[in-house]
């Protein structure tokens, strides 16, 4: 349970039968992830039950401004973290890289010496 009151959110979406549903949940029980709104619908055996709602079925979500500011900050931190991970994976650990004699070079000019038909 969250100690601080973060307010509530209202989500309006279409259920699988096409009926419009308006649900009010605590702000800490709703999130947007991978083109779905995810909301906590209850608990079972000490585990949270969540519902994933595809973005195409959601009409709107209303949240408090404080929650929005916190969420944008969290999103910015997550994007920065993903960017740092990608940079590290693609470019190395961030240390300067130097080309060595073991580097593989690929000739991208037209044709090659091995293919007489590719020559001009």
C-alpha atoms as a PDB file:
ATOM      1  CA  UNK A   1       0.000   0.000   0.000  1.00  0.00           C
ATOM      2  CA  UNK A   2       1.220   3.471  -0.834  1.00  0.00           C
ATOM      3  CA  UNK A   3       1.628   5.785   2.180  1.00  0.00           C
ATOM      4  CA  UNK A   4       0.970   9.020   0.297  1.00  0.00           C
ATOM      5  CA  UNK A   5      -2.439   9.780  -1.254  1.00  0.00           C
ATOM      6  CA  UNK A   6      -1.934  10.113  -4.991  1.00  0.00           C
ATOM      7  CA  UNK A   7      -5.553  10.690  -5.923  1.00  0.00           C
ATOM      8  CA  UNK A   8      -7.723   8.814  -8.315  1.00  0.00           C
ATOM      9  CA  UNK A   9      -7.968   8.214 -12.033  1.00  0.00           C
ATOM     10  CA  UNK A  10     -11.003   7.652 -14.217  1.00  0.00           C
ATOM     11  CA  UNK A  11     -10.686   5.430 -17.284  1.00  0.00           C
ATOM     12  CA  UNK A  12     -13.446   5.139 -19.881  1.00  0.00           C
ATOM     13  CA  UNK A  13     -13.152   2.235 -22.293  1.00  0.00           C
ATOM     14  CA  UNK A  14     -15.161  -0.260 -24.352  1.00  0.00           C
ATOM     15  CA  UNK A  15     -15.365  -3.787 -22.964  1.00  0.00           C
ATOM     16  CA  UNK A  16     -15.197  -6.847 -25.286  1.00  0.00           C
ATOM     17  CA  UNK A  17     -19.013  -6.713 -25.724  1.00  0.00           C
ATOM     18  CA  UNK A  18     -18.791  -3.113 -26.969  1.00  0.00           C
ATOM     19  CA  UNK A  19     -20.308  -1.621 -23.816  1.00  0.00           C
ATOM     20  CA  UNK A  20     -18.737   1.597 -22.508  1.00  0.00           C
ATOM     21  CA  UNK A  21     -17.259   1.195 -19.010  1.00  0.00           C
ATOM     22  CA  UNK A  22     -16.235   4.045 -16.679  1.00  0.00           C
ATOM     23  CA  UNK A  23     -14.010   2.892 -13.844  1.00  0.00           C
ATOM     24  CA  UNK A  24     -12.452   4.932 -11.031  1.00  0.00           C
ATOM     25  CA  UNK A  25      -9.225   3.578  -9.532  1.00  0.00           C
ATOM     26  CA  UNK A  26      -6.428   4.848  -7.336  1.00  0.00           C
ATOM     27  CA  UNK A  27      -3.711   6.574  -9.415  1.00  0.00           C
ATOM     28  CA  UNK A  28      -1.109   4.064  -8.253  1.00  0.00           C
ATOM     29  CA  UNK A  29      -3.287   1.256  -9.672  1.00  0.00           C
ATOM     30  CA  UNK A  30      -3.253   2.388 -13.305  1.00  0.00           C
ATOM     31  CA  UNK A  31      -0.400   2.656 -15.806  1.00  0.00           C
ATOM     32  CA  UNK A  32       0.206   2.852 -19.553  1.00  0.00           C
ATOM     33  CA  UNK A  33       2.607   0.253 -20.976  1.00  0.00           C
ATOM     34  CA  UNK A  34       3.176  -1.230 -24.438  1.00  0.00           C
ATOM     35  CA  UNK A  35       0.036   0.222 -26.064  1.00  0.00           C
ATOM     36  CA  UNK A  36      -2.202  -0.932 -23.200  1.00  0.00           C
ATOM     37  CA  UNK A  37      -3.680   0.683 -20.122  1.00  0.00           C
ATOM     38  CA  UNK A  38      -3.097  -1.637 -17.184  1.00  0.00           C
ATOM     39  CA  UNK A  39      -5.238  -1.340 -14.080  1.00  0.00           C
ATOM     40  CA  UNK A  40      -5.467  -3.265 -10.859  1.00  0.00           C
ATOM     41  CA  UNK A  41      -8.897  -4.848 -10.527  1.00  0.00           C
ATOM     42  CA  UNK A  42      -8.411  -6.690  -7.241  1.00  0.00           C
ATOM     43  CA  UNK A  43      -6.338  -9.236  -5.370  1.00  0.00           C
ATOM     44  CA  UNK A  44      -6.389 -13.014  -5.246  1.00  0.00           C
ATOM     45  CA  UNK A  45      -4.277 -15.129  -2.888  1.00  0.00           C
ATOM     46  CA  UNK A  46      -2.155 -12.068  -2.055  1.00  0.00           C
ATOM     47  CA  UNK A  47      -1.431 -11.335  -5.738  1.00  0.00           C
ATOM     48  CA  UNK A  48      -2.694  -8.362  -7.714  1.00  0.00           C
ATOM     49  CA  UNK A  49      -5.182  -8.996 -10.497  1.00  0.00           C
ATOM     50  CA  UNK A  50      -4.693  -6.635 -13.421  1.00  0.00           C
ATOM     51  CA  UNK A  51      -6.626  -5.924 -16.597  1.00  0.00           C
ATOM     52  CA  UNK A  52      -4.820  -4.914 -19.797  1.00  0.00           C
ATOM     53  CA  UNK A  53      -6.951  -2.696 -22.016  1.00  0.00           C
ATOM     54  CA  UNK A  54      -5.712  -2.064 -25.577  1.00  0.00           C
ATOM     55  CA  UNK A  55      -5.318   1.647 -26.334  1.00  0.00           C
ATOM     56  CA  UNK A  56      -7.804   1.295 -29.245  1.00  0.00           C
ATOM     57  CA  UNK A  57     -10.607   0.576 -26.734  1.00  0.00           C
ATOM     58  CA  UNK A  58      -9.872   3.503 -24.394  1.00  0.00           C
ATOM     59  CA  UNK A  59     -11.826   6.738 -24.839  1.00  0.00           C
ATOM     60  CA  UNK A  60      -9.909   8.703 -22.199  1.00  0.00           C
ATOM     61  CA  UNK A  61      -8.138   8.627 -18.850  1.00  0.00           C
ATOM     62  CA  UNK A  62      -8.363  11.506 -16.370  1.00  0.00           C
ATOM     63  CA  UNK A  63      -5.739  11.893 -13.642  1.00  0.00           C
ATOM     64  CA  UNK A  64      -4.625  14.499 -11.131  1.00  0.00           C
ATOM     65  CA  UNK A  65      -2.005  17.046 -12.253  1.00  0.00           C
ATOM     66  CA  UNK A  66       0.420  16.032  -9.485  1.00  0.00           C
ATOM     67  CA  UNK A  67       0.236  12.423 -10.667  1.00  0.00           C
ATOM     68  CA  UNK A  68       0.764  13.542 -14.273  1.00  0.00           C
ATOM     69  CA  UNK A  69       3.869  15.554 -13.364  1.00  0.00           C
ATOM     70  CA  UNK A  70       5.283  12.585 -11.443  1.00  0.00           C
ATOM     71  CA  UNK A  71       4.422  10.208 -14.285  1.00  0.00           C
ATOM     72  CA  UNK A  72       6.107  12.416 -16.909  1.00  0.00           C
ATOM     73  CA  UNK A  73       9.197  12.596 -14.718  1.00  0.00           C
ATOM     74  CA  UNK A  74       9.178   8.808 -14.310  1.00  0.00           C
ATOM     75  CA  UNK A  75       8.690   8.330 -18.047  1.00  0.00           C
ATOM     76  CA  UNK A  76      11.597  10.685 -18.776  1.00  0.00           C
ATOM     77  CA  UNK A  77      13.787   8.668 -16.388  1.00  0.00           C
ATOM     78  CA  UNK A  78      12.722   5.399 -18.032  1.00  0.00           C
ATOM     79  CA  UNK A  79      13.468   6.731 -21.531  1.00  0.00           C
ATOM     80  CA  UNK A  80      16.877   7.966 -20.362  1.00  0.00           C
ATOM     81  CA  UNK A  81      17.597   4.557 -18.848  1.00  0.00           C
ATOM     82  CA  UNK A  82      16.635   2.746 -22.064  1.00  0.00           C
ATOM     83  CA  UNK A  83      18.747   5.186 -24.100  1.00  0.00           C
ATOM     84  CA  UNK A  84      21.720   4.613 -21.792  1.00  0.00           C
ATOM     85  CA  UNK A  85      21.291   0.831 -22.065  1.00  0.00           C
ATOM     86  CA  UNK A  86      21.112   0.993 -25.862  1.00  0.00           C
ATOM     87  CA  UNK A  87      24.101   3.308 -26.045  1.00  0.00           C
ATOM     88  CA  UNK A  88      26.078   0.927 -23.836  1.00  0.00           C
ATOM     89  CA  UNK A  89      25.075  -2.131 -25.876  1.00  0.00           C
ATOM     90  CA  UNK A  90      25.681  -0.525 -29.264  1.00  0.00           C
ATOM     91  CA  UNK A  91      28.705   1.619 -28.507  1.00  0.00           C
ATOM     92  CA  UNK A  92      30.293  -0.175 -25.595  1.00  0.00           C
ATOM     93  CA  UNK A  93      30.672   0.918 -22.024  1.00  0.00           C
ATOM     94  CA  UNK A  94      30.993   4.576 -22.916  1.00  0.00           C
ATOM     95  CA  UNK A  95      34.767   4.513 -23.038  1.00  0.00           C
ATOM     96  CA  UNK A  96      36.391   5.741 -26.198  1.00  0.00           C
ATOM     97  CA  UNK A  97      36.770   2.965 -28.719  1.00  0.00           C
ATOM     98  CA  UNK A  98      39.720   2.777 -31.077  1.00  0.00           C
ATOM     99  CA  UNK A  99      39.823   0.855 -34.307  1.00  0.00           C
ATOM    100  CA  UNK A 100      42.363  -1.961 -34.265  1.00  0.00           C
ATOM    101  CA  UNK A 101      44.027  -3.999 -36.973  1.00  0.00           C
ATOM    102  CA  UNK A 102      41.499  -6.759 -36.195  1.00  0.00           C
ATOM    103  CA  UNK A 103      38.683  -4.642 -37.618  1.00  0.00           C
ATOM    104  CA  UNK A 104      36.796  -6.117 -40.547  1.00  0.00           C
ATOM    105  CA  UNK A 105      36.486  -3.813 -43.527  1.00  0.00           C
ATOM    106  CA  UNK A 106      33.768  -4.213 -46.128  1.00  0.00           C
ATOM    107  CA  UNK A 107      34.155  -2.728 -49.617  1.00  0.00           C
ATOM    108  CA  UNK A 108      30.836  -1.165 -50.553  1.00  0.00           C
ATOM    109  CA  UNK A 109      31.859   0.144 -53.955  1.00  0.00           C
ATOM    110  CA  UNK A 110      30.082  -1.158 -57.037  1.00  0.00           C
ATOM    111  CA  UNK A 111      31.286  -4.523 -58.283  1.00  0.00           C
ATOM    112  CA  UNK A 112      34.259  -6.500 -57.079  1.00  0.00           C
ATOM    113  CA  UNK A 113      37.412  -8.048 -58.537  1.00  0.00           C
ATOM    114  CA  UNK A 114      35.842 -11.511 -58.202  1.00  0.00           C
ATOM    115  CA  UNK A 115      32.776 -10.698 -60.330  1.00  0.00           C
ATOM    116  CA  UNK A 116      33.694  -9.643 -63.887  1.00  0.00           C
ATOM    117  CA  UNK A 117      30.035  -8.871 -64.747  1.00  0.00           C
ATOM    118  CA  UNK A 118      29.836  -6.288 -61.945  1.00  0.00           C
ATOM    119  CA  UNK A 119      32.679  -4.177 -63.377  1.00  0.00           C
ATOM    120  CA  UNK A 120      31.896  -1.089 -65.445  1.00  0.00           C
END
